[in-house]
């Protein structure tokens, strides 16, 4: 059985990387339409900053 634990939630795309670096998740589920920075750009930045985290947009 796979267990999923939500470790962080943010409301803006420009908060994604900081939250991921703080919590070190295995996977990030990112909404494409977010204020501040769209989800695709946030996912791109996340992959550069924390390549071990898989993303799902």
PDB file of N, CA and C in Angstrom:
ATOM      1  N   UNK A   1       0.839  -1.177   0.000  1.00  0.00           N
ATOM      2  CA  UNK A   1       0.000   0.000   0.000  1.00  0.00           C
ATOM      3  C   UNK A   1       0.887   1.245   0.000  1.00  0.00           C
ATOM      4  N   UNK A   2       0.599   2.167  -0.887  1.00  0.00           N
ATOM      5  CA  UNK A   2       1.352   3.410  -0.974  1.00  0.00           C
ATOM      6  C   UNK A   2       0.695   4.448  -0.082  1.00  0.00           C
ATOM      7  N   UNK A   3       1.502   5.104   0.703  1.00  0.00           N
ATOM      8  CA  UNK A   3       0.993   6.140   1.601  1.00  0.00           C
ATOM      9  C   UNK A   3       1.361   7.504   1.040  1.00  0.00           C
ATOM     10  N   UNK A   4       0.404   8.397   1.014  1.00  0.00           N
ATOM     11  CA  UNK A   4       0.644   9.760   0.548  1.00  0.00           C
ATOM     12  C   UNK A   4       0.441  10.700   1.724  1.00  0.00           C
ATOM     13  N   UNK A   5       1.411  11.577   1.926  1.00  0.00           N
ATOM     14  CA  UNK A   5       1.325  12.570   2.986  1.00  0.00           C
ATOM     15  C   UNK A   5       1.543  13.951   2.371  1.00  0.00           C
ATOM     16  N   UNK A   6       0.597  14.836   2.577  1.00  0.00           N
ATOM     17  CA  UNK A   6       0.750  16.213   2.106  1.00  0.00           C
ATOM     18  C   UNK A   6       1.640  16.930   3.110  1.00  0.00           C
ATOM     19  N   UNK A   7       2.772  17.442   2.616  1.00  0.00           N
ATOM     20  CA  UNK A   7       3.718  18.112   3.519  1.00  0.00           C
ATOM     21  C   UNK A   7       3.683  19.630   3.385  1.00  0.00           C
ATOM     22  N   UNK A   8       3.075  20.134   2.301  1.00  0.00           N
ATOM     23  CA  UNK A   8       2.988  21.584   2.109  1.00  0.00           C
ATOM     24  C   UNK A   8       1.926  21.896   1.068  1.00  0.00           C
ATOM     25  N   UNK A   9       1.370  23.081   1.182  1.00  0.00           N
ATOM     26  CA  UNK A   9       0.436  23.599   0.186  1.00  0.00           C
ATOM     27  C   UNK A   9       0.709  25.093   0.058  1.00  0.00           C
ATOM     28  N   UNK A  10       0.779  25.563  -1.170  1.00  0.00           N
ATOM     29  CA  UNK A  10       1.018  26.985  -1.407  1.00  0.00           C
ATOM     30  C   UNK A  10      -0.053  27.508  -2.356  1.00  0.00           C
ATOM     31  N   UNK A  11      -0.275  28.800  -2.330  1.00  0.00           N
ATOM     32  CA  UNK A  11      -1.295  29.391  -3.172  1.00  0.00           C
ATOM     33  C   UNK A  11      -0.750  30.125  -4.374  1.00  0.00           C
ATOM     34  N   UNK A  12       0.567  30.235  -4.451  1.00  0.00           N
ATOM     35  CA  UNK A  12       1.197  30.992  -5.540  1.00  0.00           C
ATOM     36  C   UNK A  12       2.351  30.179  -6.127  1.00  0.00           C
ATOM     37  N   UNK A  13       2.517  30.308  -7.431  1.00  0.00           N
ATOM     38  CA  UNK A  13       3.589  29.584  -8.105  1.00  0.00           C
ATOM     39  C   UNK A  13       4.975  30.001  -7.659  1.00  0.00           C
ATOM     40  N   UNK A  14       5.122  31.274  -7.265  1.00  0.00           N
ATOM     41  CA  UNK A  14       6.435  31.737  -6.833  1.00  0.00           C
ATOM     42  C   UNK A  14       6.790  31.277  -5.415  1.00  0.00           C
ATOM     43  N   UNK A  15       5.910  30.510  -4.778  1.00  0.00           N
ATOM     44  CA  UNK A  15       6.178  29.932  -3.458  1.00  0.00           C
ATOM     45  C   UNK A  15       6.556  28.446  -3.531  1.00  0.00           C
ATOM     46  N   UNK A  16       6.439  27.858  -4.710  1.00  0.00           N
ATOM     47  CA  UNK A  16       6.635  26.413  -4.873  1.00  0.00           C
ATOM     48  C   UNK A  16       8.049  25.979  -4.506  1.00  0.00           C
ATOM     49  N   UNK A  17       9.056  26.613  -5.069  1.00  0.00           N
ATOM     50  CA  UNK A  17      10.442  26.176  -4.864  1.00  0.00           C
ATOM     51  C   UNK A  17      10.847  26.297  -3.402  1.00  0.00           C
ATOM     52  N   UNK A  18      10.531  27.407  -2.766  1.00  0.00           N
ATOM     53  CA  UNK A  18      10.901  27.595  -1.364  1.00  0.00           C
ATOM     54  C   UNK A  18      10.258  26.520  -0.480  1.00  0.00           C
ATOM     55  N   UNK A  19       8.981  26.226  -0.726  1.00  0.00           N
ATOM     56  CA  UNK A  19       8.302  25.191   0.061  1.00  0.00           C
ATOM     57  C   UNK A  19       8.919  23.821  -0.180  1.00  0.00           C
ATOM     58  N   UNK A  20       9.251  23.525  -1.420  1.00  0.00           N
ATOM     59  CA  UNK A  20       9.857  22.227  -1.739  1.00  0.00           C
ATOM     60  C   UNK A  20      11.248  22.094  -1.117  1.00  0.00           C
ATOM     61  N   UNK A  21      12.023  23.143  -1.152  1.00  0.00           N
ATOM     62  CA  UNK A  21      13.353  23.087  -0.536  1.00  0.00           C
ATOM     63  C   UNK A  21      13.244  22.918   0.974  1.00  0.00           C
ATOM     64  N   UNK A  22      12.211  23.491   1.568  1.00  0.00           N
ATOM     65  CA  UNK A  22      12.015  23.382   3.014  1.00  0.00           C
ATOM     66  C   UNK A  22      11.548  21.979   3.408  1.00  0.00           C
ATOM     67  N   UNK A  23      10.672  21.366   2.601  1.00  0.00           N
ATOM     68  CA  UNK A  23      10.053  20.091   2.979  1.00  0.00           C
ATOM     69  C   UNK A  23      10.616  18.872   2.255  1.00  0.00           C
ATOM     70  N   UNK A  24      11.364  19.071   1.175  1.00  0.00           N
ATOM     71  CA  UNK A  24      12.000  17.981   0.421  1.00  0.00           C
ATOM     72  C   UNK A  24      11.040  16.852   0.044  1.00  0.00           C
ATOM     73  N   UNK A  25       9.961  17.162  -0.699  1.00  0.00           N
ATOM     74  CA  UNK A  25       9.012  16.107  -1.076  1.00  0.00           C
ATOM     75  C   UNK A  25       9.577  15.215  -2.176  1.00  0.00           C
ATOM     76  N   UNK A  26       8.990  14.029  -2.305  1.00  0.00           N
ATOM     77  CA  UNK A  26       9.336  13.123  -3.397  1.00  0.00           C
ATOM     78  C   UNK A  26       8.631  13.539  -4.685  1.00  0.00           C
ATOM     79  N   UNK A  27       7.411  14.095  -4.536  1.00  0.00           N
ATOM     80  CA  UNK A  27       6.580  14.482  -5.675  1.00  0.00           C
ATOM     81  C   UNK A  27       5.917  15.821  -5.375  1.00  0.00           C
ATOM     82  N   UNK A  28       5.791  16.664  -6.394  1.00  0.00           N
ATOM     83  CA  UNK A  28       5.049  17.920  -6.271  1.00  0.00           C
ATOM     84  C   UNK A  28       3.937  17.935  -7.318  1.00  0.00           C
ATOM     85  N   UNK A  29       2.721  18.125  -6.873  1.00  0.00           N
ATOM     86  CA  UNK A  29       1.571  18.278  -7.771  1.00  0.00           C
ATOM     87  C   UNK A  29       1.319  19.777  -7.863  1.00  0.00           C
ATOM     88  N   UNK A  30       1.432  20.325  -9.075  1.00  0.00           N
ATOM     89  CA  UNK A  30       1.388  21.765  -9.260  1.00  0.00           C
ATOM     90  C   UNK A  30       0.288  22.132 -10.242  1.00  0.00           C
ATOM     91  N   UNK A  31      -0.566  23.056  -9.830  1.00  0.00           N
ATOM     92  CA  UNK A  31      -1.629  23.580 -10.710  1.00  0.00           C
ATOM     93  C   UNK A  31      -0.972  24.434 -11.795  1.00  0.00           C
ATOM     94  N   UNK A  32      -1.381  24.284 -13.027  1.00  0.00           N
ATOM     95  CA  UNK A  32      -0.793  25.062 -14.119  1.00  0.00           C
ATOM     96  C   UNK A  32      -1.136  26.544 -13.994  1.00  0.00           C
ATOM     97  N   UNK A  33      -2.360  26.852 -13.579  1.00  0.00           N
ATOM     98  CA  UNK A  33      -2.793  28.246 -13.470  1.00  0.00           C
ATOM     99  C   UNK A  33      -2.685  28.707 -12.021  1.00  0.00           C
ATOM    100  N   UNK A  34      -1.592  29.393 -11.707  1.00  0.00           N
ATOM    101  CA  UNK A  34      -1.363  29.922 -10.365  1.00  0.00           C
ATOM    102  C   UNK A  34      -0.939  31.375 -10.471  1.00  0.00           C
ATOM    103  N   UNK A  35      -1.301  32.196  -9.490  1.00  0.00           N
ATOM    104  CA  UNK A  35      -0.821  33.575  -9.501  1.00  0.00           C
ATOM    105  C   UNK A  35       0.669  33.638  -9.159  1.00  0.00           C
ATOM    106  N   UNK A  36       1.305  34.723  -9.533  1.00  0.00           N
ATOM    107  CA  UNK A  36       2.717  34.921  -9.192  1.00  0.00           C
ATOM    108  C   UNK A  36       3.667  34.302 -10.193  1.00  0.00           C
ATOM    109  N   UNK A  37       3.446  33.062 -10.547  1.00  0.00           N
ATOM    110  CA  UNK A  37       4.265  32.316 -11.504  1.00  0.00           C
ATOM    111  C   UNK A  37       3.414  31.130 -11.935  1.00  0.00           C
ATOM    112  N   UNK A  38       3.263  30.913 -13.239  1.00  0.00           N
ATOM    113  CA  UNK A  38       2.408  29.793 -13.634  1.00  0.00           C
ATOM    114  C   UNK A  38       3.062  28.464 -13.268  1.00  0.00           C
ATOM    115  N   UNK A  39       2.240  27.444 -13.188  1.00  0.00           N
ATOM    116  CA  UNK A  39       2.697  26.141 -12.726  1.00  0.00           C
ATOM    117  C   UNK A  39       3.784  25.509 -13.572  1.00  0.00           C
ATOM    118  N   UNK A  40       3.762  25.750 -14.872  1.00  0.00           N
ATOM    119  CA  UNK A  40       4.796  25.178 -15.738  1.00  0.00           C
ATOM    120  C   UNK A  40       6.158  25.803 -15.450  1.00  0.00           C
ATOM    121  N   UNK A  41       6.189  27.122 -15.272  1.00  0.00           N
ATOM    122  CA  UNK A  41       7.451  27.779 -14.923  1.00  0.00           C
ATOM    123  C   UNK A  41       7.909  27.384 -13.527  1.00  0.00           C
ATOM    124  N   UNK A  42       6.960  27.238 -12.605  1.00  0.00           N
ATOM    125  CA  UNK A  42       7.300  26.802 -11.249  1.00  0.00           C
ATOM    126  C   UNK A  42       7.896  25.393 -11.281  1.00  0.00           C
ATOM    127  N   UNK A  43       7.317  24.512 -12.075  1.00  0.00           N
ATOM    128  CA  UNK A  43       7.836  23.147 -12.191  1.00  0.00           C
ATOM    129  C   UNK A  43       9.236  23.140 -12.800  1.00  0.00           C
ATOM    130  N   UNK A  44       9.456  23.994 -13.788  1.00  0.00           N
ATOM    131  CA  UNK A  44      10.777  24.102 -14.399  1.00  0.00           C
ATOM    132  C   UNK A  44      11.816  24.557 -13.365  1.00  0.00           C
ATOM    133  N   UNK A  45      11.483  25.569 -12.606  1.00  0.00           N
ATOM    134  CA  UNK A  45      12.408  26.052 -11.565  1.00  0.00           C
ATOM    135  C   UNK A  45      12.644  24.986 -10.497  1.00  0.00           C
ATOM    136  N   UNK A  46      11.575  24.280 -10.141  1.00  0.00           N
ATOM    137  CA  UNK A  46      11.698  23.240  -9.127  1.00  0.00           C
ATOM    138  C   UNK A  46      12.643  22.134  -9.598  1.00  0.00           C
ATOM    139  N   UNK A  47      12.545  21.750 -10.856  1.00  0.00           N
ATOM    140  CA  UNK A  47      13.426  20.704 -11.377  1.00  0.00           C
ATOM    141  C   UNK A  47      14.888  21.126 -11.367  1.00  0.00           C
ATOM    142  N   UNK A  48      15.155  22.410 -11.583  1.00  0.00           N
ATOM    143  CA  UNK A  48      16.538  22.901 -11.523  1.00  0.00           C
ATOM    144  C   UNK A  48      17.055  22.972 -10.095  1.00  0.00           C
ATOM    145  N   UNK A  49      16.190  23.358  -9.160  1.00  0.00           N
ATOM    146  CA  UNK A  49      16.609  23.537  -7.761  1.00  0.00           C
ATOM    147  C   UNK A  49      16.591  22.239  -6.955  1.00  0.00           C
ATOM    148  N   UNK A  50      15.659  21.344  -7.273  1.00  0.00           N
ATOM    149  CA  UNK A  50      15.502  20.105  -6.510  1.00  0.00           C
ATOM    150  C   UNK A  50      15.191  18.962  -7.482  1.00  0.00           C
ATOM    151  N   UNK A  51      16.187  18.521  -8.248  1.00  0.00           N
ATOM    152  CA  UNK A  51      15.941  17.525  -9.295  1.00  0.00           C
ATOM    153  C   UNK A  51      15.430  16.175  -8.782  1.00  0.00           C
ATOM    154  N   UNK A  52      15.594  15.889  -7.510  1.00  0.00           N
ATOM    155  CA  UNK A  52      15.100  14.627  -6.967  1.00  0.00           C
ATOM    156  C   UNK A  52      13.586  14.618  -6.803  1.00  0.00           C
ATOM    157  N   UNK A  53      12.965  15.783  -6.845  1.00  0.00           N
ATOM    158  CA  UNK A  53      11.513  15.894  -6.702  1.00  0.00           C
ATOM    159  C   UNK A  53      10.857  15.761  -8.076  1.00  0.00           C
ATOM    160  N   UNK A  54       9.993  14.786  -8.197  1.00  0.00           N
ATOM    161  CA  UNK A  54       9.239  14.603  -9.439  1.00  0.00           C
ATOM    162  C   UNK A  54       8.086  15.598  -9.447  1.00  0.00           C
ATOM    163  N   UNK A  55       7.680  16.060 -10.623  1.00  0.00           N
ATOM    164  CA  UNK A  55       6.588  17.024 -10.700  1.00  0.00           C
ATOM    165  C   UNK A  55       5.437  16.471 -11.522  1.00  0.00           C
ATOM    166  N   UNK A  56       4.249  16.931 -11.188  1.00  0.00           N
ATOM    167  CA  UNK A  56       3.035  16.568 -11.898  1.00  0.00           C
ATOM    168  C   UNK A  56       2.218  17.836 -12.043  1.00  0.00           C
ATOM    169  N   UNK A  57       2.020  18.280 -13.294  1.00  0.00           N
ATOM    170  CA  UNK A  57       1.243  19.501 -13.562  1.00  0.00           C
ATOM    171  C   UNK A  57      -0.060  19.135 -14.216  1.00  0.00           C
TER     172      UNK A  57
END
